[in-house]
Amino acid sequence: MPKLIICMREGYSLSSLRADIVAGLTVAIVALPLAMALAIASGATPDKGLITAVIAGFLISALGGSRFQIGGPTGAFVVVVFNVIATHGYSGLVLATLMAGLILIIAGLARLGSLVKYIPETVVTGFTAGIAVIIFTSQIADILGLTLAQHTGGFIGTLEDIRASLGTVSTASIIVSFAALTLIVLVRRFRPKWPAFLIAVTMASLVAWTLALPVETIGSKFGGITSTLPMPELPQITLARLHELLPSALTIAFLAGVESLLSAVVADGMTGRRHRSDCELIAQGIANMGSALFGGLPATGAIARTATNVRTGARTPLAGMFHAVFVLAFMMFLAPLANYIPLASLAAVLVVVAWNMSEADKVRHLLRAPFEERVILLVTLALTVLVDLTVAIEVGVVMAALAFMHRMSKAVAVTNDDEEDDPDAIPFTGTVPATDQRLALSENTEVFKLRGPLFFGAATRLDEALNRAGPTPQVFILRMREVPLIDATGVGALAHFVDRCEARGTRVIVSAVQDQPRAILEKMGLAKRLEFADTYTGATIRARNLSPVTNTSPGGSEQPKRSHSVAG
């Protein structure tokens, strides 16, 4: 159920309405220059960004699972959108965004919202820092006022285009961009509650218009922005087109899901509230489909705008809906003023956005992490910058999974185990003390202790343990009290272990098996080939019955039988 309905059921007062209107207006002031700047950086026209803020921003707040989420275009999409438009045209982007919206809705209905916590921080930080590098690089031309002879695309290609066009540097553009950047930094430093982006863009526009500076503006490059919302329109849909755009759609859906849920988590941390992740994914899907139909861009929850919404006193999702209404009002009544905005001032805005996205402090912190974590971070960042964001995410996640499995498998070892018995043991009813249970084992009995999850990364250690067991015993006891879970590959490895034991005429007893491993063993048919004991003591009693004690010292005392530990 959307948070908006929950908030309305709780009651909505006039004071809440005032608070939401003020917050919505404040966020709209922040969003106006950002939406246009991000659209331009994405290779689209500035009105596409405003349309996205209106349509997607309204739907995300109205249908989402967070009280405070503000949706719209974000820096995370700049690289993907630019590449899709360059490769497939704007109609290709519309179809990819529609597909991404459908994917997000399916993910929400499948209750996959909680899976975001399994995406490694090194991967997220790596690709966001890489996107920041690309955004900054893409703005160099506007900062310097260059007239590019060609638009090769890509990080290396952009740098080559800039180098080839250095002879067209505009001093006026440099002055405007650096003045706007300085003003943003000063306002944020001394008046953090003021809308620094809007102030800088407005002042730059006034100065450029008053002094008639020879700088490129929205009006001169794009012919202005529309003052109305377009009618919804479906793109051409064919199976070949769907197949061609599926990778881009999956990337858009992934970015929208991850960033929106991260933004919701940030809002929860600031307010003490809790969002509904699956509802948020469904809202993101509907919002992206709506944005695409109206000619907008991909959208997601915007962390900075959401934080601004919280700080300015928003109380319900109506604040986000008001934000969309105020952006629409700007389009309807003030659109002609956008013609005077210098592109150099919007480039300054995006430089600040890129710096914030880079999360330099977090990158420095993660560079002190273990070696494999540093490698994952740097590889993800490098692939994002030099190759492709989709490849970077795929490689980063796979590397993180392999690193985790490697660490888990390295933790598995077979060692002599002379420690005290498990707490699950109970005293023998006979004359043998509980602390001397191993003395009661015959020389034809081996004991293995398994620790940790028995998954595919550690499955081969069972065979290694069997190979090191020495002479073939009559009975194997597998102590599984410390095995919390087992997967299909683990069951397969255990079955192979049992096969080898049966071929040697060895019986296998498992003790203290937890619920999940036992259920899997029964479901996959291996349980009927094993003998179960509730405790290790029970397993030793059964082993004594199967293999009588024969191993004694010259003095007649029984010798302890060595057992082994497979720790994971």
Protein backbone atom coordinates (compact mmCIF):
# COMPACT_ATOMS: atom_id res chain seq x y z
CA MET A 1 0.00 0.00 0.00
CA PRO A 2 1.41 3.45 -0.92
CA LYS A 3 2.56 5.60 1.98
CA LEU A 4 0.26 8.39 0.79
CA ILE A 5 -2.82 6.34 1.68
CA ILE A 6 -1.36 5.43 5.06
CA CYS A 7 -0.61 9.09 5.80
CA MET A 8 -4.12 10.16 4.83
CA ARG A 9 -5.61 7.49 7.08
CA GLU A 10 -3.57 8.81 9.98
CA GLY A 11 -5.12 12.25 9.48
CA TYR A 12 -3.93 15.31 7.64
CA SER A 13 -3.96 18.77 9.23
CA LEU A 14 -3.66 22.28 7.86
CA SER A 15 -0.22 22.63 9.44
CA SER A 16 0.92 19.50 7.58
CA LEU A 17 -0.40 20.97 4.34
CA ARG A 18 1.58 24.17 4.88
CA ALA A 19 4.73 22.20 5.71
CA ASP A 20 4.38 20.03 2.61
CA ILE A 21 3.78 23.05 0.33
CA VAL A 22 6.88 24.83 1.64
CA ALA A 23 8.98 21.67 1.29
CA GLY A 24 7.64 21.01 -2.21
CA LEU A 25 8.42 24.55 -3.36
CA THR A 26 11.93 24.37 -1.91
CA VAL A 27 12.68 21.07 -3.62
CA ALA A 28 11.24 22.37 -6.90
CA ILE A 29 13.63 25.33 -6.77
CA VAL A 30 16.51 22.88 -6.32
CA ALA A 31 15.20 20.53 -9.02
CA LEU A 32 14.66 23.12 -11.78
CA PRO A 33 18.27 23.73 -12.81
CA LEU A 34 19.26 20.15 -12.00
CA ALA A 35 16.60 18.61 -14.23
CA MET A 36 17.61 20.74 -17.19
CA ALA A 37 21.34 20.23 -16.63
CA LEU A 38 21.02 16.46 -16.29
CA ALA A 39 18.91 16.24 -19.44
CA ILE A 40 21.50 18.20 -21.44
CA ALA A 41 24.33 16.05 -20.06
CA SER A 42 22.35 12.96 -21.10
CA GLY A 43 22.23 14.10 -24.70
CA ALA A 44 18.58 15.18 -24.56
CA THR A 45 16.88 18.58 -24.57
CA PRO A 46 16.37 20.44 -21.25
CA ASP A 47 12.58 20.12 -21.35
CA LYS A 48 12.95 16.32 -21.18
CA GLY A 49 14.40 16.70 -17.72
CA LEU A 50 11.54 18.95 -16.61
CA ILE A 51 8.93 16.53 -18.00
CA THR A 52 10.62 13.73 -16.04
CA ALA A 53 10.53 15.76 -12.83
CA VAL A 54 6.82 16.47 -13.33
CA ILE A 55 5.48 13.07 -14.40
CA ALA A 56 7.86 10.69 -12.63
CA GLY A 57 8.23 12.95 -9.61
CA PHE A 58 4.46 13.04 -9.09
CA LEU A 59 3.95 9.29 -9.54
CA ILE A 60 6.88 8.27 -7.34
CA SER A 61 5.55 10.34 -4.45
CA ALA A 62 1.91 9.38 -4.99
CA LEU A 63 2.45 5.63 -5.30
CA GLY A 64 5.75 4.99 -3.51
CA GLY A 65 6.58 3.28 -0.27
CA SER A 66 8.44 6.22 1.29
CA ARG A 67 6.97 9.32 2.93
CA PHE A 68 9.73 11.61 1.75
CA GLN A 69 11.05 10.27 -1.57
CA ILE A 70 11.59 12.84 -4.33
CA GLY A 71 11.88 11.37 -7.80
CA GLY A 72 13.23 12.69 -11.06
CA PRO A 73 16.26 12.51 -13.36
CA THR A 74 19.55 11.80 -11.59
CA GLY A 75 23.23 11.68 -12.41
CA ALA A 76 23.26 7.88 -12.26
CA PHE A 77 21.40 7.72 -15.58
CA VAL A 78 23.52 10.22 -17.52
CA VAL A 79 25.94 7.65 -18.96
CA VAL A 80 23.28 5.07 -19.81
CA VAL A 81 20.86 7.57 -21.35
CA PHE A 82 23.59 9.23 -23.41
CA ASN A 83 24.76 5.88 -24.81
CA VAL A 84 21.22 4.67 -25.59
CA ILE A 85 20.31 7.90 -27.39
CA ALA A 86 23.61 7.86 -29.32
CA THR A 87 23.12 4.21 -30.35
CA HIS A 88 19.36 3.77 -30.71
CA GLY A 89 17.97 7.30 -30.87
CA TYR A 90 15.49 8.89 -28.49
CA SER A 91 12.76 6.44 -29.51
CA GLY A 92 15.06 3.64 -28.37
CA LEU A 93 15.44 5.31 -24.99
CA VAL A 94 11.66 5.60 -24.61
CA LEU A 95 11.20 1.88 -25.29
CA ALA A 96 14.10 0.92 -22.99
CA THR A 97 12.58 3.04 -20.21
CA LEU A 98 9.17 1.40 -20.73
CA MET A 99 10.80 -2.03 -20.47
CA ALA A 100 12.72 -0.98 -17.37
CA GLY A 101 9.49 0.19 -15.77
CA LEU A 102 7.88 -3.18 -16.41
CA ILE A 103 10.92 -4.96 -14.97
CA LEU A 104 10.72 -2.84 -11.81
CA ILE A 105 7.02 -3.59 -11.39
CA ILE A 106 7.71 -7.32 -11.71
CA ALA A 107 10.57 -7.03 -9.21
CA GLY A 108 8.30 -5.28 -6.73
CA LEU A 109 5.51 -7.84 -7.13
CA ALA A 110 8.11 -10.60 -6.67
CA ARG A 111 9.18 -8.92 -3.41
CA LEU A 112 12.79 -8.40 -4.48
CA GLY A 113 13.11 -5.01 -2.78
CA SER A 114 15.13 -6.37 0.12
CA LEU A 115 17.81 -7.74 -2.22
CA VAL A 116 19.42 -4.31 -2.55
CA LYS A 117 21.24 -4.96 0.73
CA TYR A 118 23.20 -7.74 -0.99
CA ILE A 119 24.80 -5.40 -3.54
CA PRO A 120 28.35 -4.79 -2.28
CA GLU A 121 29.23 -1.25 -1.28
CA THR A 122 32.43 -1.47 -3.31
CA VAL A 123 30.44 -2.05 -6.51
CA VAL A 124 27.96 0.77 -5.84
CA THR A 125 30.73 3.19 -4.90
CA GLY A 126 32.83 2.12 -7.88
CA PHE A 127 30.22 2.74 -10.55
CA THR A 128 28.89 5.96 -8.99
CA ALA A 129 32.43 7.34 -8.80
CA GLY A 130 32.96 6.28 -12.42
CA ILE A 131 29.76 8.04 -13.47
CA ALA A 132 31.00 11.16 -11.64
CA VAL A 133 34.22 11.09 -13.68
CA ILE A 134 32.25 10.79 -16.93
CA ILE A 135 29.84 13.60 -15.99
CA PHE A 136 32.73 15.92 -15.15
CA THR A 137 34.51 15.05 -18.40
CA SER A 138 31.37 15.68 -20.44
CA GLN A 139 31.08 19.21 -19.02
CA ILE A 140 34.60 20.36 -19.89
CA ALA A 141 33.50 21.47 -23.35
CA ASP A 142 30.71 23.70 -21.97
CA ILE A 143 32.95 25.05 -19.21
CA LEU A 144 35.55 26.09 -21.78
CA GLY A 145 32.95 27.13 -24.36
CA LEU A 146 34.42 24.78 -26.98
CA THR A 147 32.88 24.19 -30.37
CA LEU A 148 33.41 20.47 -30.84
CA ALA A 149 34.11 19.36 -34.40
CA GLN A 150 32.68 15.92 -33.61
CA HIS A 151 31.05 14.00 -30.78
CA THR A 152 32.83 10.66 -30.60
CA GLY A 153 31.36 9.64 -27.26
CA GLY A 154 32.96 7.65 -24.48
CA PHE A 155 35.56 8.86 -22.01
CA ILE A 156 38.59 8.57 -24.29
CA GLY A 157 36.66 9.83 -27.31
CA THR A 158 35.41 12.88 -25.40
CA LEU A 159 38.92 13.75 -24.28
CA GLU A 160 40.15 13.44 -27.86
CA ASP A 161 37.33 15.69 -29.10
CA ILE A 162 38.19 18.28 -26.44
CA ARG A 163 41.89 18.17 -27.32
CA ALA A 164 41.11 18.65 -31.00
CA SER A 165 38.89 21.67 -30.27
CA LEU A 166 41.07 23.58 -27.79
CA GLY A 167 41.53 26.33 -30.36
CA THR A 168 37.86 27.35 -29.90
CA VAL A 169 38.09 28.20 -26.19
CA SER A 170 35.69 30.97 -25.10
CA THR A 171 36.95 33.26 -22.37
CA ALA A 172 33.41 34.42 -21.59
CA SER A 173 32.27 30.83 -20.98
CA ILE A 174 35.19 30.19 -18.65
CA ILE A 175 34.39 33.32 -16.65
CA VAL A 176 30.67 32.44 -16.40
CA SER A 177 31.27 28.82 -15.41
CA PHE A 178 33.90 29.58 -12.78
CA ALA A 179 31.88 32.48 -11.39
CA ALA A 180 28.81 30.23 -11.10
CA LEU A 181 30.88 27.46 -9.49
CA THR A 182 32.39 29.91 -6.99
CA LEU A 183 28.95 31.27 -6.13
CA ILE A 184 27.59 27.74 -5.54
CA VAL A 185 30.49 26.91 -3.22
CA LEU A 186 30.15 30.18 -1.27
CA VAL A 187 26.37 29.90 -0.85
CA ARG A 188 26.68 26.32 0.33
CA ARG A 189 29.41 27.32 2.74
CA PHE A 190 27.83 30.40 4.29
CA ARG A 191 24.10 30.06 3.52
CA PRO A 192 23.50 26.30 3.26
CA LYS A 193 19.70 26.69 3.38
CA TRP A 194 19.61 28.88 0.28
CA PRO A 195 19.08 27.27 -3.18
CA ALA A 196 22.66 27.56 -4.39
CA PHE A 197 22.05 26.07 -7.84
CA LEU A 198 19.13 28.33 -8.67
CA ILE A 199 20.94 31.43 -7.35
CA ALA A 200 24.04 30.67 -9.42
CA VAL A 201 22.11 29.95 -12.61
CA THR A 202 19.89 33.02 -12.17
CA MET A 203 22.84 35.35 -11.51
CA ALA A 204 24.79 33.91 -14.43
CA SER A 205 21.79 34.43 -16.72
CA LEU A 206 21.34 38.04 -15.58
CA VAL A 207 25.02 38.88 -16.03
CA ALA A 208 25.27 37.19 -19.43
CA TRP A 209 22.12 38.95 -20.67
CA THR A 210 23.03 42.35 -19.21
CA LEU A 211 26.56 42.33 -20.60
CA ALA A 212 25.57 40.55 -23.81
CA LEU A 213 28.30 37.98 -23.27
CA PRO A 214 29.04 35.72 -26.25
CA VAL A 215 28.10 32.48 -24.49
CA GLU A 216 25.88 29.63 -25.65
CA THR A 217 22.50 29.48 -23.92
CA ILE A 218 19.53 27.12 -23.82
CA GLY A 219 17.76 29.40 -26.29
CA SER A 220 20.63 29.51 -28.77
CA LYS A 221 21.30 25.77 -28.69
CA PHE A 222 17.87 24.20 -28.11
CA GLY A 223 15.48 26.96 -29.13
CA GLY A 224 13.99 27.18 -25.65
CA ILE A 225 11.80 24.71 -23.74
CA THR A 226 8.18 23.73 -24.13
CA SER A 227 5.55 25.31 -21.89
CA THR A 228 3.13 22.36 -21.98
CA LEU A 229 3.25 18.64 -21.39
CA PRO A 230 3.16 16.58 -24.59
CA MET A 231 0.47 13.99 -25.21
CA PRO A 232 1.45 10.42 -24.25
CA GLU A 233 2.72 8.37 -27.17
CA LEU A 234 3.84 4.76 -27.58
CA PRO A 235 7.09 4.06 -29.46
CA GLN A 236 7.35 1.47 -32.20
CA ILE A 237 7.60 -1.96 -30.60
CA THR A 238 9.02 -5.03 -32.37
CA LEU A 239 10.57 -8.24 -31.03
CA ALA A 240 13.91 -7.34 -32.61
CA ARG A 241 13.81 -3.91 -30.97
CA LEU A 242 12.91 -5.41 -27.58
CA HIS A 243 15.81 -7.87 -27.81
CA GLU A 244 18.20 -5.14 -28.88
CA LEU A 245 17.27 -2.82 -25.99
CA LEU A 246 16.95 -5.45 -23.23
CA PRO A 247 20.50 -4.94 -21.82
CA SER A 248 19.91 -1.18 -21.57
CA ALA A 249 16.50 -1.74 -19.97
CA LEU A 250 18.01 -4.06 -17.37
CA THR A 251 20.69 -1.48 -16.54
CA ILE A 252 18.11 1.29 -16.19
CA ALA A 253 15.94 -0.92 -13.98
CA PHE A 254 18.93 -1.88 -11.83
CA LEU A 255 20.04 1.72 -11.35
CA ALA A 256 16.51 2.93 -10.67
CA GLY A 257 15.91 0.20 -8.11
CA VAL A 258 19.21 0.56 -6.30
CA GLU A 259 19.28 4.36 -6.14
CA SER A 260 15.62 4.68 -5.15
CA LEU A 261 15.98 2.20 -2.29
CA LEU A 262 19.25 3.78 -1.15
CA SER A 263 17.52 7.16 -1.17
CA ALA A 264 14.63 5.73 0.86
CA VAL A 265 17.11 4.29 3.37
CA VAL A 266 18.74 7.74 3.71
CA ALA A 267 15.32 9.29 4.39
CA ASP A 268 14.59 6.57 6.98
CA GLY A 269 17.86 7.33 8.73
CA MET A 270 17.04 11.04 8.88
CA THR A 271 13.48 10.60 10.15
CA GLY A 272 13.32 7.30 12.01
CA ARG A 273 10.59 6.09 9.64
CA ARG A 274 10.60 2.89 7.58
CA HIS A 275 9.89 2.64 3.88
CA ARG A 276 8.26 -0.22 2.01
CA SER A 277 10.82 -1.41 -0.51
CA ASP A 278 8.57 -3.54 -2.72
CA CYS A 279 5.95 -0.79 -2.96
CA GLU A 280 8.74 1.64 -3.85
CA LEU A 281 9.92 -0.58 -6.71
CA ILE A 282 6.40 -0.81 -8.14
CA ALA A 283 6.05 2.98 -7.95
CA GLN A 284 9.40 3.44 -9.66
CA GLY A 285 8.26 1.10 -12.43
CA ILE A 286 4.98 2.94 -12.99
CA ALA A 287 6.76 6.30 -12.86
CA ASN A 288 9.34 5.27 -15.46
CA MET A 289 6.64 3.98 -17.78
CA GLY A 290 4.70 7.23 -17.32
CA SER A 291 7.80 9.34 -17.96
CA ALA A 292 8.57 7.40 -21.14
CA LEU A 293 5.03 7.76 -22.47
CA PHE A 294 5.16 11.55 -22.00
CA GLY A 295 8.56 11.88 -23.63
CA GLY A 296 10.69 12.08 -20.49
CA LEU A 297 13.81 10.32 -19.24
CA PRO A 298 14.42 7.45 -16.82
CA ALA A 299 13.78 8.47 -13.22
CA THR A 300 14.58 7.29 -9.72
CA GLY A 301 14.68 8.56 -6.18
CA ALA A 302 17.11 11.46 -5.86
CA ILE A 303 19.09 11.28 -2.63
CA ALA A 304 20.04 14.99 -2.43
CA ARG A 305 16.53 16.22 -3.26
CA THR A 306 14.99 13.71 -0.85
CA ALA A 307 17.31 14.91 1.91
CA THR A 308 16.34 18.52 1.11
CA ASN A 309 12.69 17.52 1.36
CA VAL A 310 13.25 16.08 4.83
CA ARG A 311 15.31 19.05 6.06
CA THR A 312 12.67 21.56 4.97
CA GLY A 313 9.99 19.89 7.06
CA ALA A 314 8.03 17.64 4.70
CA ARG A 315 5.54 15.42 6.49
CA THR A 316 3.87 13.29 3.81
CA PRO A 317 4.30 12.26 0.15
CA LEU A 318 2.20 15.28 -0.82
CA ALA A 319 5.41 17.34 -0.56
CA GLY A 320 6.86 15.40 -3.49
CA MET A 321 3.63 15.81 -5.44
CA PHE A 322 3.68 19.57 -4.80
CA HIS A 323 7.28 19.63 -6.02
CA ALA A 324 6.11 18.19 -9.36
CA VAL A 325 3.25 20.71 -9.56
CA PHE A 326 5.62 23.65 -8.97
CA VAL A 327 7.99 22.42 -11.69
CA LEU A 328 5.00 22.17 -14.05
CA ALA A 329 4.00 25.73 -13.11
CA PHE A 330 7.49 26.93 -14.05
CA MET A 331 7.17 25.23 -17.43
CA MET A 332 3.78 26.81 -18.06
CA PHE A 333 4.48 30.39 -16.97
CA LEU A 334 8.26 30.96 -16.91
CA ALA A 335 9.55 28.79 -19.75
CA PRO A 336 10.69 31.76 -21.90
CA LEU A 337 13.15 32.80 -19.17
CA ALA A 338 15.05 29.53 -19.64
CA ASN A 339 16.23 30.81 -23.03
CA TYR A 340 18.74 33.08 -21.25
CA ILE A 341 20.41 30.38 -19.12
CA PRO A 342 24.07 29.96 -20.14
CA LEU A 343 25.14 26.36 -20.67
CA ALA A 344 28.35 27.22 -18.83
CA SER A 345 26.36 27.86 -15.64
CA LEU A 346 24.59 24.51 -15.96
CA ALA A 347 28.00 22.90 -16.47
CA ALA A 348 29.05 24.40 -13.13
CA VAL A 349 25.98 22.81 -11.53
CA LEU A 350 26.94 19.43 -12.95
CA VAL A 351 30.52 19.76 -11.75
CA VAL A 352 29.15 20.03 -8.21
CA VAL A 353 26.82 17.09 -8.86
CA ALA A 354 29.77 15.04 -10.10
CA TRP A 355 31.82 15.91 -7.03
CA ASN A 356 28.99 14.87 -4.73
CA MET A 357 28.50 11.62 -6.65
CA SER A 358 32.19 10.75 -6.48
CA GLU A 359 31.95 10.31 -2.69
CA ALA A 360 35.67 10.92 -2.39
CA ASP A 361 35.66 10.30 1.35
CA LYS A 362 34.03 6.90 0.91
CA VAL A 363 36.45 5.98 -1.87
CA ARG A 364 39.41 6.85 0.37
CA HIS A 365 37.87 4.81 3.17
CA LEU A 366 37.33 1.75 0.96
CA LEU A 367 40.90 1.98 -0.35
CA ARG A 368 41.94 0.91 3.16
CA ALA A 369 39.80 -2.23 2.90
CA PRO A 370 41.24 -5.73 2.22
CA PHE A 371 43.07 -6.16 -1.09
CA GLU A 372 40.25 -7.90 -2.97
CA GLU A 373 37.77 -5.17 -1.97
CA ARG A 374 40.11 -2.51 -3.31
CA VAL A 375 40.46 -4.41 -6.58
CA ILE A 376 36.67 -4.69 -6.98
CA LEU A 377 36.26 -0.95 -6.35
CA LEU A 378 38.96 0.08 -8.82
CA VAL A 379 37.95 -2.41 -11.53
CA THR A 380 34.30 -1.32 -11.33
CA LEU A 381 35.31 2.34 -11.51
CA ALA A 382 37.69 1.75 -14.42
CA LEU A 383 35.20 -0.31 -16.43
CA THR A 384 32.50 2.32 -15.89
CA VAL A 385 34.78 5.03 -17.24
CA LEU A 386 36.55 3.15 -20.01
CA VAL A 387 34.09 0.49 -21.18
CA ASP A 388 30.43 0.50 -20.22
CA LEU A 389 28.31 0.82 -17.10
CA THR A 390 26.50 -2.47 -17.74
CA VAL A 391 29.77 -4.36 -18.06
CA ALA A 392 31.11 -2.63 -14.95
CA ILE A 393 28.14 -3.67 -12.82
CA GLU A 394 28.17 -7.25 -14.11
CA VAL A 395 31.91 -7.69 -13.59
CA GLY A 396 31.83 -5.95 -10.20
CA VAL A 397 29.02 -8.12 -8.82
CA VAL A 398 30.60 -11.32 -10.17
CA MET A 399 34.00 -10.37 -8.72
CA ALA A 400 32.41 -9.60 -5.36
CA ALA A 401 30.59 -12.96 -5.37
CA LEU A 402 33.79 -14.81 -6.31
CA ALA A 403 35.74 -12.97 -3.61
CA PHE A 404 33.13 -13.92 -1.02
CA MET A 405 33.15 -17.56 -2.10
CA HIS A 406 36.94 -17.61 -2.08
CA ARG A 407 37.03 -16.28 1.47
CA MET A 408 34.44 -18.83 2.56
CA SER A 409 36.25 -21.73 0.92
CA LYS A 410 39.61 -20.63 2.33
CA ALA A 411 38.05 -20.79 5.78
CA VAL A 412 37.40 -24.51 5.27
CA ALA A 413 40.15 -26.73 6.65
CA VAL A 414 40.68 -30.29 7.80
CA THR A 415 42.56 -30.44 11.09
CA ASN A 416 43.08 -32.72 14.05
CA ASP A 417 40.23 -32.08 16.44
CA ASP A 418 41.09 -32.78 20.06
CA GLU A 419 38.72 -30.25 21.58
CA GLU A 420 35.98 -31.02 24.07
CA ASP A 421 32.71 -32.45 22.83
CA ASP A 422 29.82 -30.36 21.60
CA PRO A 423 27.25 -28.95 24.02
CA ASP A 424 24.72 -31.24 22.36
CA ALA A 425 26.37 -34.25 23.95
CA ILE A 426 24.69 -36.04 26.86
CA PRO A 427 26.42 -38.33 29.40
CA PHE A 428 26.65 -42.01 28.63
CA THR A 429 24.36 -44.15 30.74
CA GLY A 430 27.16 -46.67 31.23
CA THR A 431 30.43 -46.38 33.11
CA VAL A 432 32.26 -44.23 30.53
CA PRO A 433 32.41 -40.50 31.59
CA ALA A 434 31.11 -37.91 29.14
CA THR A 435 34.55 -36.27 28.87
CA ASP A 436 36.04 -39.57 27.67
CA GLN A 437 33.60 -40.21 24.83
CA ARG A 438 36.32 -40.43 22.19
CA LEU A 439 38.01 -43.15 24.19
CA ALA A 440 34.94 -45.27 23.56
CA LEU A 441 35.39 -45.14 19.77
CA SER A 442 37.00 -48.10 18.07
CA GLU A 443 39.96 -47.80 15.75
CA ASN A 444 37.52 -48.47 12.90
CA THR A 445 35.60 -45.23 13.50
CA GLU A 446 36.45 -41.81 12.12
CA VAL A 447 34.88 -38.51 13.22
CA PHE A 448 34.61 -35.41 11.05
CA LYS A 449 33.27 -32.14 12.37
CA LEU A 450 31.76 -29.76 9.78
CA ARG A 451 31.60 -26.06 10.60
CA GLY A 452 29.87 -23.36 8.57
CA PRO A 453 27.64 -23.49 5.48
CA LEU A 454 28.22 -26.48 3.20
CA PHE A 455 27.89 -24.67 -0.14
CA PHE A 456 29.46 -25.11 -3.56
CA GLY A 457 32.52 -23.06 -2.67
CA ALA A 458 33.52 -25.49 0.10
CA ALA A 459 32.02 -28.76 -1.13
CA THR A 460 35.28 -30.29 -2.38
CA ARG A 461 36.74 -30.24 1.13
CA LEU A 462 34.70 -33.34 2.03
CA ASP A 463 36.56 -35.38 -0.56
CA GLU A 464 39.86 -33.93 0.67
CA ALA A 465 38.96 -34.97 4.21
CA LEU A 466 38.13 -38.51 3.09
CA ASN A 467 41.41 -38.79 1.21
CA ARG A 468 43.31 -37.86 4.38
CA ALA A 469 41.40 -40.18 6.65
CA GLY A 470 43.93 -43.01 6.45
CA PRO A 471 42.85 -46.68 6.54
CA THR A 472 39.25 -47.33 5.58
CA PRO A 473 37.07 -47.15 8.72
CA GLN A 474 33.88 -49.11 9.28
CA VAL A 475 31.98 -46.02 10.47
CA PHE A 476 32.15 -42.32 9.70
CA ILE A 477 30.52 -39.86 12.08
CA LEU A 478 29.80 -36.43 10.56
CA ARG A 479 29.16 -33.87 13.28
CA MET A 480 26.88 -31.24 11.67
CA ARG A 481 25.61 -29.21 14.61
CA GLU A 482 27.55 -26.17 13.34
CA VAL A 483 26.32 -26.42 9.72
CA PRO A 484 23.53 -23.81 9.45
CA LEU A 485 22.67 -24.45 5.81
CA ILE A 486 23.47 -26.60 2.81
CA ASP A 487 22.84 -26.00 -0.89
CA ALA A 488 22.34 -28.36 -3.83
CA THR A 489 26.07 -28.54 -4.59
CA GLY A 490 26.76 -29.27 -0.93
CA VAL A 491 24.23 -32.10 -1.04
CA GLY A 492 25.92 -33.38 -4.18
CA ALA A 493 29.32 -33.33 -2.49
CA LEU A 494 27.89 -35.12 0.53
CA ALA A 495 26.26 -37.70 -1.76
CA HIS A 496 29.61 -38.27 -3.48
CA PHE A 497 31.19 -38.69 -0.05
CA VAL A 498 28.54 -41.29 0.85
CA ASP A 499 29.09 -43.06 -2.50
CA ARG A 500 32.77 -43.46 -1.75
CA CYS A 501 32.05 -44.64 1.77
CA GLU A 502 29.50 -47.20 0.58
CA ALA A 503 31.97 -48.47 -2.01
CA ARG A 504 34.38 -49.14 0.87
CA GLY A 505 31.71 -50.69 3.05
CA THR A 506 31.70 -47.72 5.43
CA ARG A 507 28.54 -46.60 7.25
CA VAL A 508 27.88 -42.85 7.62
CA ILE A 509 26.24 -41.37 10.72
CA VAL A 510 25.34 -37.67 10.93
CA SER A 511 24.72 -36.05 14.30
CA ALA A 512 22.80 -32.97 15.48
CA VAL A 513 21.67 -31.93 11.98
CA GLN A 514 19.90 -28.56 11.94
CA ASP A 515 16.46 -28.06 10.40
CA GLN A 516 17.45 -26.50 7.05
CA PRO A 517 20.16 -29.07 6.16
CA ARG A 518 17.94 -31.97 7.25
CA ALA A 519 15.01 -30.69 5.18
CA ILE A 520 17.22 -30.37 2.09
CA LEU A 521 18.75 -33.80 2.61
CA GLU A 522 15.28 -35.34 2.88
CA LYS A 523 13.91 -33.42 -0.09
CA MET A 524 16.82 -34.42 -2.32
CA GLY A 525 16.66 -38.09 -1.27
CA LEU A 526 20.01 -38.38 0.50
CA ALA A 527 18.58 -38.74 4.00
CA LYS A 528 17.58 -42.40 3.42
CA ARG A 529 21.24 -43.28 2.82
CA LEU A 530 22.36 -41.74 6.11
CA GLU A 531 21.89 -42.67 9.75
CA PHE A 532 20.79 -39.74 11.93
CA ALA A 533 21.58 -39.16 15.60
CA ASP A 534 20.16 -36.30 17.61
CA THR A 535 23.44 -35.79 19.47
CA TYR A 536 27.07 -36.66 19.08
CA THR A 537 26.77 -38.96 22.09
CA GLY A 538 24.00 -40.85 20.35
CA ALA A 539 26.18 -41.15 17.24
CA THR A 540 29.07 -42.62 19.26
CA ILE A 541 26.75 -45.17 20.88
CA ARG A 542 25.50 -46.22 17.45
CA ALA A 543 29.06 -46.36 16.14
CA ARG A 544 30.12 -48.61 19.04
CA ASN A 545 27.28 -50.98 18.19
CA LEU A 546 28.35 -51.06 14.53
CA SER A 547 32.11 -51.25 15.25
CA PRO A 548 33.07 -52.62 18.71
CA VAL A 549 35.96 -51.01 20.60
CA THR A 550 39.20 -52.87 19.92
CA ASN A 551 41.89 -50.21 20.11
CA THR A 552 43.54 -50.46 23.54
CA SER A 553 46.91 -49.61 24.95
CA PRO A 554 49.30 -52.23 26.36
CA GLY A 555 48.02 -51.32 29.80
CA GLY A 556 44.49 -52.08 28.75
CA SER A 557 43.20 -48.50 28.51
CA GLU A 558 41.43 -47.45 25.37
CA GLN A 559 43.35 -45.05 23.10
CA PRO A 560 41.64 -41.89 21.88
CA LYS A 561 40.63 -42.05 18.26
CA ARG A 562 41.67 -38.98 16.27
CA SER A 563 38.82 -37.01 14.78
CA HIS A 564 38.86 -34.31 12.15
CA SER A 565 37.29 -30.90 11.67
CA VAL A 566 36.00 -29.47 8.41
CA ALA A 567 35.51 -25.81 9.30
CA GLY A 568 33.81 -23.32 7.07
